[in-house]
Amino acid sequence: MPVEDLGFRRAAPALAVFAAVRLLGLAVLAGWCAAAGSSPHTLLSARWDSLWYARIAAEGYGYEVLLPNGDVHSNLAFFPLLPWLERLVSAPTGLSYGSAGLVVSAVAGLAAAWGIFAVADLLHGRRAGVFAVAVWAALPVGIVQSMAYSECLFTALAVWALYGALRGRWPAAGLLAAGAGLTRPVGAAVVAAVWVAAVLAWRRGERSWRMAAGALLAPLGAAGYALWVGARTGGGLFGYLDVQAGWGNGFDGGWAFARFIGAKLASSAFAAGLGLIAGVVLVLWLYARCVRQRQPAPLLVYGGIVVALALCASGYFGSKPRLLLPAFPLLLPVAVALAGWRVRRAAAVLGAAALASAVYGAFWLNGSGPP
């Protein structure tokens, strides 16, 4: 795919907006950390999941933590592409693996923003594309886009895979979907989206080896890692699910999350429970808007699976906003609405959202932080 086809000049305003929002978030975080006596570099690259990725980059797989209740936290739960890239960046630069993860995340964040713009521009025009990127950057958990986490890398691979599928660039879509499958478990959503796009193209009469190649390539990343984990653990096809169970993760249709919200409503944290309900309703309403907007089926499939896996997982309830970060199709109705506003009004709203996101991100990382 020639670089010219990707429209860098056309995407430049969106990339500039993304960079500005992220720099604002980092500036506020630096100021907050200076006042709190904490290290922004440590918070971004050497806590929570960042430590697990860096350890995999340094030592490979095999590290486990045995909890007092008997649960086993194995680093096999973390997919390998980010640690591989951390090694790739660290080797020639001498950066620590955590710092290399920040570099990967920064580059991947720009790639993801570019891809979100490309999809929104393709469907709704340039103005909506810029607003889609601005909204994504200014999400309340947008600070994760600046961390040594895999969200930006996954989103970049997912959005460009979907763009390739929408444009009929099947081998590229399949390879990118395979990469997404090596990045996060929700890579299955990208595979499903590429397959749906291929089926629809086949029904329209397209018959080509490129389409078949893309469909065959798409699941290789996720399936390959899951099979490798199963062989390593002796768990067979369900070995990876056993690893996730050790972390308390599973898919129960949202029952555990509902009980978690119920517990909040029955306690002094009643307001937090109401906030969680409002958040779930907002996500479901946005998805309904996507359907009414008649988004292409691959986007609806991808967005629906990401939402379902995030809301219906049985563990780590505090992670759910972060797990929804790659669900960029939910933002397209918002972007289209903003594109119809006057520039000053839309800029004021997005500026306020970006500032609120920056403050919340600094507060969040200096508090409980992302699990």
Protein backbone atom coordinates (compact mmCIF):
# COMPACT_ATOMS: atom_id res chain seq x y z
CA MET A 1 0.00 0.00 0.00
CA PRO A 2 1.80 3.18 -1.15
CA VAL A 3 2.25 5.83 1.51
CA GLU A 4 0.49 8.37 -0.73
CA ASP A 5 -2.69 6.28 -0.59
CA LEU A 6 -2.87 6.68 3.17
CA GLY A 7 -3.32 10.46 2.92
CA PHE A 8 -0.74 11.78 5.39
CA ARG A 9 -1.30 15.39 4.34
CA ARG A 10 -5.03 14.93 4.57
CA ALA A 11 -4.66 13.37 8.03
CA ALA A 12 -2.15 15.94 9.32
CA PRO A 13 -4.71 18.11 11.20
CA ALA A 14 -6.08 15.04 12.98
CA LEU A 15 -2.58 13.90 13.94
CA ALA A 16 -1.75 17.40 15.20
CA VAL A 17 -4.89 17.42 17.36
CA PHE A 18 -4.04 13.99 18.76
CA ALA A 19 -0.48 15.05 19.59
CA ALA A 20 -1.71 18.26 21.24
CA VAL A 21 -4.19 16.40 23.47
CA ARG A 22 -1.60 13.85 24.47
CA LEU A 23 0.98 16.54 25.25
CA LEU A 24 -1.60 18.32 27.39
CA GLY A 25 -2.21 15.11 29.30
CA LEU A 26 1.52 14.62 29.87
CA ALA A 27 2.01 18.22 30.94
CA VAL A 28 -0.77 18.01 33.52
CA LEU A 29 0.58 14.67 34.74
CA ALA A 30 4.07 16.15 35.13
CA GLY A 31 2.70 19.06 37.15
CA TRP A 32 0.60 16.78 39.35
CA CYS A 33 3.55 14.45 39.96
CA ALA A 34 5.79 17.39 40.85
CA ALA A 35 3.29 18.42 43.50
CA ALA A 36 2.75 14.85 44.74
CA GLY A 37 6.41 13.85 44.70
CA SER A 38 5.84 10.98 42.26
CA SER A 39 7.54 10.12 38.99
CA PRO A 40 5.55 10.43 35.74
CA HIS A 41 8.00 8.11 33.99
CA THR A 42 7.44 5.42 36.60
CA LEU A 43 3.68 5.80 36.44
CA LEU A 44 3.67 5.54 32.67
CA SER A 45 6.23 2.79 32.13
CA ALA A 46 6.94 0.83 35.31
CA ARG A 47 3.68 0.03 37.10
CA TRP A 48 0.78 -2.36 36.66
CA ASP A 49 0.72 -4.18 33.29
CA SER A 50 3.78 -2.28 32.07
CA LEU A 51 5.90 -4.28 34.51
CA TRP A 52 4.56 -7.57 33.17
CA TYR A 53 5.28 -6.60 29.57
CA ALA A 54 8.80 -5.41 30.45
CA ARG A 55 9.54 -8.65 32.31
CA ILE A 56 8.43 -10.69 29.30
CA ALA A 57 10.68 -8.57 27.08
CA ALA A 58 13.60 -9.16 29.44
CA GLU A 59 13.12 -12.80 30.44
CA GLY A 60 10.51 -14.35 28.18
CA TYR A 61 7.57 -16.36 29.43
CA GLY A 62 7.40 -18.53 32.53
CA TYR A 63 7.10 -16.04 35.38
CA GLU A 64 4.24 -16.65 37.82
CA VAL A 65 2.96 -15.14 41.06
CA LEU A 66 1.21 -17.42 43.54
CA LEU A 67 -1.44 -15.55 45.53
CA PRO A 68 -2.37 -16.44 49.13
CA ASN A 69 -5.76 -17.76 47.96
CA GLY A 70 -4.06 -20.20 45.60
CA ASP A 71 -4.67 -18.30 42.36
CA VAL A 72 -1.76 -18.17 39.93
CA HIS A 73 -0.98 -15.04 37.97
CA SER A 74 1.04 -16.19 34.95
CA ASN A 75 2.63 -13.86 32.44
CA LEU A 76 1.23 -16.13 29.72
CA ALA A 77 -1.91 -14.01 30.05
CA PHE A 78 -0.08 -11.21 28.20
CA PHE A 79 0.19 -11.49 24.44
CA PRO A 80 3.68 -11.20 22.93
CA LEU A 81 3.70 -8.48 20.27
CA LEU A 82 4.30 -5.52 22.60
CA PRO A 83 7.20 -7.23 24.43
CA TRP A 84 8.71 -8.22 21.08
CA LEU A 85 8.57 -4.61 19.93
CA GLU A 86 10.03 -3.43 23.25
CA ARG A 87 13.00 -5.69 22.63
CA LEU A 88 13.29 -4.41 19.06
CA VAL A 89 13.39 -0.78 20.20
CA SER A 90 15.59 -1.41 23.24
CA ALA A 91 18.35 -3.30 21.43
CA PRO A 92 19.67 -0.44 19.23
CA THR A 93 18.76 2.43 21.58
CA GLY A 94 19.81 1.10 24.97
CA LEU A 95 16.47 2.18 26.43
CA SER A 96 14.98 0.16 29.25
CA TYR A 97 12.15 -2.10 28.16
CA GLY A 98 9.63 0.13 29.92
CA SER A 99 10.96 3.22 28.14
CA ALA A 100 10.96 1.31 24.86
CA GLY A 101 7.31 0.52 25.55
CA LEU A 102 6.60 4.24 25.78
CA VAL A 103 8.20 4.73 22.36
CA VAL A 104 6.12 1.92 20.89
CA SER A 105 2.96 3.33 22.45
CA ALA A 106 3.68 6.85 21.16
CA VAL A 107 4.25 5.66 17.58
CA ALA A 108 1.30 3.29 17.74
CA GLY A 109 -0.90 6.06 19.12
CA LEU A 110 -0.18 8.22 16.09
CA ALA A 111 -0.80 5.23 13.82
CA ALA A 112 -4.10 4.54 15.57
CA ALA A 113 -5.15 8.19 15.29
CA TRP A 114 -4.27 8.14 11.60
CA GLY A 115 -6.32 4.99 11.09
CA ILE A 116 -9.33 6.35 12.97
CA PHE A 117 -9.17 9.42 10.78
CA ALA A 118 -8.89 7.28 7.65
CA VAL A 119 -11.98 5.22 8.51
CA ALA A 120 -14.06 8.23 9.57
CA ASP A 121 -12.93 10.21 6.53
CA LEU A 122 -13.82 7.31 4.26
CA LEU A 123 -17.33 7.07 5.70
CA HIS A 124 -18.19 10.64 6.71
CA GLY A 125 -15.61 13.06 5.38
CA ARG A 126 -12.49 14.81 6.56
CA ARG A 127 -14.12 17.03 9.18
CA ALA A 128 -15.70 14.06 10.93
CA GLY A 129 -12.34 12.28 10.75
CA VAL A 130 -10.60 15.05 12.66
CA PHE A 131 -13.32 15.13 15.30
CA ALA A 132 -13.25 11.33 15.69
CA VAL A 133 -9.55 11.49 16.52
CA ALA A 134 -10.05 14.41 18.89
CA VAL A 135 -12.79 12.59 20.80
CA TRP A 136 -10.71 9.40 21.01
CA ALA A 137 -7.70 11.31 22.35
CA ALA A 138 -9.84 13.16 24.92
CA LEU A 139 -11.56 10.12 26.42
CA PRO A 140 -11.45 10.05 30.24
CA VAL A 141 -8.91 7.20 30.18
CA GLY A 142 -6.94 8.75 27.32
CA ILE A 143 -3.79 8.81 29.46
CA VAL A 144 -3.48 5.08 28.73
CA GLN A 145 -2.56 6.12 25.18
CA SER A 146 0.67 7.52 26.66
CA MET A 147 1.51 4.45 28.78
CA ALA A 148 3.60 1.39 28.01
CA TYR A 149 0.39 -0.57 27.52
CA SER A 150 -0.91 -2.44 24.49
CA GLU A 151 -4.11 -0.43 23.87
CA CYS A 152 -2.60 1.91 21.27
CA LEU A 153 -0.79 -0.89 19.48
CA PHE A 154 -3.92 -2.99 19.34
CA THR A 155 -6.11 -0.09 18.20
CA ALA A 156 -3.65 0.81 15.44
CA LEU A 157 -3.60 -2.74 14.10
CA ALA A 158 -7.36 -3.12 14.44
CA VAL A 159 -8.35 0.11 12.75
CA TRP A 160 -6.00 -0.37 9.80
CA ALA A 161 -7.17 -3.97 9.42
CA LEU A 162 -10.73 -2.69 9.24
CA TYR A 163 -9.74 0.04 6.82
CA GLY A 164 -8.07 -2.57 4.63
CA ALA A 165 -11.18 -4.76 4.74
CA LEU A 166 -13.43 -1.82 3.84
CA ARG A 167 -11.19 -0.96 0.90
CA GLY A 168 -10.79 -4.57 -0.27
CA ARG A 169 -7.08 -4.74 0.55
CA TRP A 170 -7.31 -8.27 1.81
CA PRO A 171 -3.72 -9.43 2.42
CA ALA A 172 -3.00 -6.22 4.38
CA ALA A 173 -6.22 -6.64 6.36
CA GLY A 174 -5.37 -10.26 7.15
CA LEU A 175 -1.81 -9.50 8.24
CA LEU A 176 -2.91 -6.62 10.44
CA ALA A 177 -5.66 -8.77 11.98
CA ALA A 178 -3.04 -11.43 12.72
CA GLY A 179 -0.92 -8.76 14.42
CA ALA A 180 -3.91 -7.63 16.48
CA GLY A 181 -4.39 -11.26 17.51
CA LEU A 182 -0.82 -11.28 18.83
CA THR A 183 -1.49 -8.16 20.89
CA ARG A 184 -4.64 -8.69 22.95
CA PRO A 185 -7.29 -11.41 23.43
CA VAL A 186 -9.88 -9.12 21.86
CA GLY A 187 -8.01 -9.61 18.59
CA ALA A 188 -10.80 -12.10 17.91
CA ALA A 189 -13.02 -9.09 17.20
CA VAL A 190 -10.73 -8.00 14.37
CA VAL A 191 -10.66 -11.50 12.92
CA ALA A 192 -14.46 -11.67 12.98
CA ALA A 193 -14.73 -8.26 11.31
CA VAL A 194 -12.36 -9.24 8.49
CA TRP A 195 -14.24 -12.50 7.96
CA VAL A 196 -17.58 -10.67 7.80
CA ALA A 197 -16.14 -8.23 5.27
CA ALA A 198 -14.85 -11.14 3.18
CA VAL A 199 -18.20 -12.95 3.28
CA LEU A 200 -20.02 -9.81 2.18
CA ALA A 201 -17.52 -9.27 -0.63
CA TRP A 202 -17.98 -12.90 -1.71
CA ARG A 203 -21.75 -12.42 -1.79
CA ARG A 204 -21.24 -9.37 -4.00
CA GLY A 205 -19.41 -11.59 -6.44
CA GLU A 206 -15.76 -10.94 -5.54
CA ARG A 207 -13.65 -14.06 -6.01
CA SER A 208 -9.92 -13.64 -5.61
CA TRP A 209 -6.94 -15.34 -4.07
CA ARG A 210 -6.21 -12.07 -2.24
CA MET A 211 -9.51 -12.22 -0.39
CA ALA A 212 -8.94 -15.87 0.52
CA ALA A 213 -5.41 -15.08 1.67
CA GLY A 214 -6.62 -12.26 3.89
CA ALA A 215 -9.30 -14.44 5.47
CA LEU A 216 -6.78 -17.24 6.10
CA LEU A 217 -4.12 -14.92 7.52
CA ALA A 218 -6.45 -13.08 9.91
CA PRO A 219 -6.74 -15.70 12.69
CA LEU A 220 -3.13 -16.89 12.66
CA GLY A 221 -1.90 -14.55 15.40
CA ALA A 222 -4.57 -15.25 18.01
CA ALA A 223 -4.87 -18.94 17.17
CA GLY A 224 -1.11 -19.43 17.08
CA TYR A 225 -0.56 -17.88 20.51
CA ALA A 226 -3.51 -19.70 22.08
CA LEU A 227 -2.28 -23.04 20.73
CA TRP A 228 1.26 -22.33 21.92
CA VAL A 229 0.02 -21.51 25.43
CA GLY A 230 -2.10 -24.67 25.42
CA ALA A 231 0.91 -26.77 24.44
CA ARG A 232 3.14 -25.10 27.03
CA THR A 233 0.67 -25.49 29.88
CA GLY A 234 -0.70 -28.87 28.85
CA GLY A 235 -4.17 -27.38 28.73
CA GLY A 236 -4.76 -28.03 25.05
CA LEU A 237 -7.23 -25.81 23.23
CA PHE A 238 -8.43 -24.28 26.50
CA GLY A 239 -5.02 -23.64 28.02
CA TYR A 240 -5.19 -19.89 27.58
CA LEU A 241 -8.63 -19.76 29.21
CA ASP A 242 -7.15 -21.61 32.18
CA VAL A 243 -4.39 -18.99 32.41
CA GLN A 244 -6.98 -16.21 32.38
CA ALA A 245 -9.00 -18.03 35.03
CA GLY A 246 -5.96 -17.84 37.29
CA TRP A 247 -6.28 -14.06 37.05
CA GLY A 248 -9.98 -14.23 37.85
CA ASN A 249 -10.94 -13.42 34.27
CA GLY A 250 -13.72 -15.15 32.38
CA PHE A 251 -16.90 -14.49 30.42
CA ASP A 252 -20.12 -14.77 32.41
CA GLY A 253 -22.42 -12.55 30.39
CA GLY A 254 -21.94 -9.63 32.74
CA TRP A 255 -23.34 -11.31 35.86
CA ALA A 256 -20.30 -10.56 38.02
CA PHE A 257 -20.23 -6.95 36.82
CA ALA A 258 -23.93 -6.58 37.61
CA ARG A 259 -23.35 -7.91 41.15
CA PHE A 260 -20.41 -5.49 41.50
CA ILE A 261 -22.67 -2.58 40.55
CA GLY A 262 -25.37 -3.87 42.90
CA ALA A 263 -22.89 -3.95 45.76
CA LYS A 264 -21.99 -0.33 45.06
CA LEU A 265 -25.66 0.68 45.06
CA ALA A 266 -26.17 -1.07 48.41
CA SER A 267 -23.20 0.67 50.04
CA SER A 268 -21.98 4.15 50.77
CA ALA A 269 -20.64 4.20 47.20
CA PHE A 270 -24.17 4.59 45.84
CA ALA A 271 -23.13 7.46 43.56
CA ALA A 272 -20.38 5.34 42.05
CA GLY A 273 -22.93 2.63 41.30
CA LEU A 274 -25.16 5.15 39.55
CA GLY A 275 -22.14 6.36 37.58
CA LEU A 276 -21.38 2.82 36.45
CA ILE A 277 -24.97 2.31 35.32
CA ALA A 278 -24.86 5.60 33.42
CA GLY A 279 -21.60 4.55 31.77
CA VAL A 280 -23.02 1.21 30.63
CA VAL A 281 -26.17 2.88 29.32
CA LEU A 282 -24.05 5.42 27.43
CA VAL A 283 -21.96 2.70 25.79
CA LEU A 284 -25.04 0.73 24.75
CA TRP A 285 -26.73 3.91 23.48
CA LEU A 286 -23.68 4.77 21.40
CA TYR A 287 -23.66 1.29 19.90
CA ALA A 288 -27.35 1.67 19.05
CA ARG A 289 -26.49 4.96 17.36
CA CYS A 290 -23.84 3.12 15.33
CA VAL A 291 -26.51 0.71 14.13
CA ARG A 292 -28.89 3.55 13.27
CA GLN A 293 -26.03 5.30 11.50
CA ARG A 294 -25.80 2.20 9.28
CA GLN A 295 -22.12 1.70 9.85
CA PRO A 296 -20.58 -1.01 7.66
CA ALA A 297 -21.11 -4.49 9.06
CA PRO A 298 -17.40 -5.08 9.82
CA LEU A 299 -17.37 -2.01 12.11
CA LEU A 300 -20.57 -3.11 13.87
CA VAL A 301 -19.20 -6.61 14.39
CA TYR A 302 -15.87 -5.34 15.68
CA GLY A 303 -17.41 -2.71 17.97
CA GLY A 304 -20.05 -5.11 19.24
CA ILE A 305 -17.53 -7.79 20.19
CA VAL A 306 -15.20 -5.30 21.90
CA VAL A 307 -18.12 -3.94 23.94
CA ALA A 308 -19.43 -7.41 24.79
CA LEU A 309 -16.04 -8.69 25.93
CA ALA A 310 -15.40 -5.56 27.99
CA LEU A 311 -18.78 -5.44 29.74
CA CYS A 312 -19.34 -9.17 30.15
CA ALA A 313 -15.94 -10.18 31.52
CA SER A 314 -16.07 -11.43 35.08
CA GLY A 315 -12.98 -9.78 36.52
CA TYR A 316 -11.10 -6.50 36.95
CA PHE A 317 -14.09 -4.19 36.85
CA GLY A 318 -11.89 -1.12 37.05
CA SER A 319 -10.33 -2.09 33.73
CA LYS A 320 -13.54 -1.82 31.75
CA PRO A 321 -13.13 1.81 30.60
CA ARG A 322 -9.61 0.97 29.43
CA LEU A 323 -10.79 -2.18 27.66
CA LEU A 324 -13.33 -0.06 25.75
CA LEU A 325 -10.62 2.29 24.46
CA PRO A 326 -10.20 0.35 21.15
CA ALA A 327 -13.96 0.57 20.44
CA PHE A 328 -13.50 3.57 18.15
CA PRO A 329 -16.65 2.91 16.04
CA LEU A 330 -18.69 4.09 19.06
CA LEU A 331 -17.19 7.55 18.57
CA LEU A 332 -18.23 8.00 14.95
CA PRO A 333 -21.79 9.19 15.75
CA VAL A 334 -20.30 11.76 18.15
CA ALA A 335 -17.78 12.87 15.53
CA VAL A 336 -20.48 13.28 12.88
CA ALA A 337 -22.57 15.36 15.31
CA LEU A 338 -19.60 17.59 16.18
CA ALA A 339 -18.80 18.02 12.50
CA GLY A 340 -22.18 19.71 12.13
CA TRP A 341 -21.40 22.30 14.80
CA ARG A 342 -19.64 25.61 14.37
CA VAL A 343 -15.88 25.26 14.70
CA ARG A 344 -15.56 27.47 17.79
CA ARG A 345 -18.30 25.66 19.65
CA ALA A 346 -16.91 22.22 18.82
CA ALA A 347 -13.37 23.33 19.69
CA ALA A 348 -14.51 24.71 23.05
CA VAL A 349 -16.30 21.48 23.95
CA LEU A 350 -13.37 19.30 22.90
CA GLY A 351 -10.88 21.58 24.64
CA ALA A 352 -12.81 21.28 27.89
CA ALA A 353 -13.02 17.50 27.44
CA ALA A 354 -9.27 17.28 26.79
CA LEU A 355 -8.47 19.31 29.90
CA ALA A 356 -10.84 17.21 32.03
CA SER A 357 -9.26 14.05 30.62
CA ALA A 358 -5.78 15.33 31.43
CA VAL A 359 -6.72 16.17 35.02
CA TYR A 360 -8.52 12.88 35.52
CA GLY A 361 -5.59 10.97 34.04
CA ALA A 362 -3.13 12.61 36.43
CA PHE A 363 -5.45 11.97 39.38
CA TRP A 364 -6.04 8.35 38.29
CA LEU A 365 -2.37 7.44 37.86
CA ASN A 366 -1.45 9.03 41.17
CA GLY A 367 -4.26 7.08 42.82
CA SER A 368 -5.45 3.59 42.12
CA GLY A 369 -4.34 3.68 38.50
CA PRO A 370 -5.29 1.25 35.76
CA PRO A 371 -5.24 -2.39 36.85
